[in-house]
Amino acid sequence: MSEFMRNTDAFTWQMEHEPGLRSTVVTIFKLDRSPDWDDLVSRFDRIQASMPMFRTTTASASAKDFRRAASSC
């Protein structure tokens, strides 16, 4: 199945090619104990199952794909 990004996602994706505009995201969790690995994996599996966007992979599009997307708007 072929879907196109939302305009905001496409803008952000293109912006990442410019080193000065890249957004760096860092997340740090301070835990009081080591998490149960199986529970952690299970929770992430449930999250991605409920939100299909987390299972997608972004691929660069050709000019032909851009023209096709523009003509469908």
C-alpha atoms as a PDB file:
ATOM      1  CA  MET A   1       0.000   0.000   0.000  1.00  0.00           C
ATOM      2  CA  SER A   2       1.308   3.389  -0.912  1.00  0.00           C
ATOM      3  CA  GLU A   3       0.341   6.401   1.179  1.00  0.00           C
ATOM      4  CA  PHE A   4       1.708   9.907   1.150  1.00  0.00           C
ATOM      5  CA  MET A   5       2.837  11.878   4.163  1.00  0.00           C
ATOM      6  CA  ARG A   6       0.797  14.670   5.587  1.00  0.00           C
ATOM      7  CA  ASN A   7       2.088  18.058   4.449  1.00  0.00           C
ATOM      8  CA  THR A   8       3.599  18.785   7.867  1.00  0.00           C
ATOM      9  CA  ASP A   9       5.411  15.440   7.907  1.00  0.00           C
ATOM     10  CA  ALA A  10       6.761  15.967   4.390  1.00  0.00           C
ATOM     11  CA  PHE A  11       8.005  19.442   5.326  1.00  0.00           C
ATOM     12  CA  THR A  12       9.804  18.081   8.394  1.00  0.00           C
ATOM     13  CA  TRP A  13      11.271  15.177   6.403  1.00  0.00           C
ATOM     14  CA  GLN A  14      12.693  17.525   3.768  1.00  0.00           C
ATOM     15  CA  MET A  15      13.994  19.937   6.406  1.00  0.00           C
ATOM     16  CA  GLU A  16      16.104  17.145   7.959  1.00  0.00           C
ATOM     17  CA  HIS A  17      18.335  17.136   4.862  1.00  0.00           C
ATOM     18  CA  GLU A  18      19.701  20.551   5.871  1.00  0.00           C
ATOM     19  CA  PRO A  19      22.176  20.044   8.760  1.00  0.00           C
ATOM     20  CA  GLY A  20      21.453  23.461  10.261  1.00  0.00           C
ATOM     21  CA  LEU A  21      17.725  22.753  10.445  1.00  0.00           C
ATOM     22  CA  ARG A  22      17.819  19.200  11.777  1.00  0.00           C
ATOM     23  CA  SER A  23      15.887  18.595  14.937  1.00  0.00           C
ATOM     24  CA  THR A  24      17.624  16.470  17.504  1.00  0.00           C
ATOM     25  CA  VAL A  25      15.415  14.635  19.957  1.00  0.00           C
ATOM     26  CA  VAL A  26      16.807  13.067  23.085  1.00  0.00           C
ATOM     27  CA  THR A  27      14.734  11.297  25.695  1.00  0.00           C
ATOM     28  CA  ILE A  28      16.066  10.240  29.047  1.00  0.00           C
ATOM     29  CA  PHE A  29      14.136   8.119  31.489  1.00  0.00           C
ATOM     30  CA  LYS A  30      15.224   7.976  35.106  1.00  0.00           C
ATOM     31  CA  LEU A  31      13.916   4.711  36.498  1.00  0.00           C
ATOM     32  CA  ASP A  32      13.922   3.542  40.067  1.00  0.00           C
ATOM     33  CA  ARG A  33      14.688  -0.019  38.920  1.00  0.00           C
ATOM     34  CA  SER A  34      15.437  -1.998  35.774  1.00  0.00           C
ATOM     35  CA  PRO A  35      12.291  -2.554  33.736  1.00  0.00           C
ATOM     36  CA  ASP A  36      10.971  -6.026  33.048  1.00  0.00           C
ATOM     37  CA  TRP A  37      12.127  -6.519  29.444  1.00  0.00           C
ATOM     38  CA  ASP A  38       9.200  -8.725  28.372  1.00  0.00           C
ATOM     39  CA  ASP A  39       6.708  -6.224  29.803  1.00  0.00           C
ATOM     40  CA  LEU A  40       8.471  -3.332  28.057  1.00  0.00           C
ATOM     41  CA  VAL A  41       8.443  -5.111  24.691  1.00  0.00           C
ATOM     42  CA  SER A  42       4.790  -6.062  25.177  1.00  0.00           C
ATOM     43  CA  ARG A  43       3.819  -2.444  25.873  1.00  0.00           C
ATOM     44  CA  PHE A  44       5.611  -1.187  22.767  1.00  0.00           C
ATOM     45  CA  ASP A  45       3.950  -3.916  20.698  1.00  0.00           C
ATOM     46  CA  ARG A  46       0.515  -2.795  21.941  1.00  0.00           C
ATOM     47  CA  ILE A  47       1.306   0.859  21.203  1.00  0.00           C
ATOM     48  CA  GLN A  48       2.418   0.195  17.635  1.00  0.00           C
ATOM     49  CA  ALA A  49      -0.545  -2.127  17.034  1.00  0.00           C
ATOM     50  CA  SER A  50      -2.960   0.635  18.063  1.00  0.00           C
ATOM     51  CA  MET A  51      -1.130   3.337  16.054  1.00  0.00           C
ATOM     52  CA  PRO A  52      -0.212   2.032  12.566  1.00  0.00           C
ATOM     53  CA  MET A  53       1.858   5.153  11.813  1.00  0.00           C
ATOM     54  CA  PHE A  54       4.562   3.768  14.125  1.00  0.00           C
ATOM     55  CA  ARG A  55       4.968   0.732  11.850  1.00  0.00           C
ATOM     56  CA  THR A  56       5.681   2.695   8.680  1.00  0.00           C
ATOM     57  CA  THR A  57       9.012   3.352   7.029  1.00  0.00           C
ATOM     58  CA  THR A  58       9.721   6.516   5.112  1.00  0.00           C
ATOM     59  CA  ALA A  59      11.232   6.238   1.661  1.00  0.00           C
ATOM     60  CA  SER A  60      12.342   9.055  -0.594  1.00  0.00           C
ATOM     61  CA  ALA A  61       9.968   9.673  -3.446  1.00  0.00           C
ATOM     62  CA  SER A  62      10.769  10.310  -7.079  1.00  0.00           C
ATOM     63  CA  ALA A  63       9.576  13.330  -9.045  1.00  0.00           C
ATOM     64  CA  LYS A  64       6.946  11.061 -10.611  1.00  0.00           C
ATOM     65  CA  ASP A  65       5.555  10.319  -7.129  1.00  0.00           C
ATOM     66  CA  PHE A  66       5.364  14.036  -6.324  1.00  0.00           C
ATOM     67  CA  ARG A  67       3.465  14.754  -9.537  1.00  0.00           C
ATOM     68  CA  ARG A  68       1.052  11.916  -8.814  1.00  0.00           C
ATOM     69  CA  ALA A  69       0.479  13.199  -5.274  1.00  0.00           C
ATOM     70  CA  ALA A  70      -0.087  16.750  -6.510  1.00  0.00           C
ATOM     71  CA  SER A  71      -2.597  15.619  -9.098  1.00  0.00           C
ATOM     72  CA  SER A  72      -4.635  13.724  -6.492  1.00  0.00           C
ATOM     73  CA  CYS A  73      -5.146  16.828  -4.302  1.00  0.00           C
END
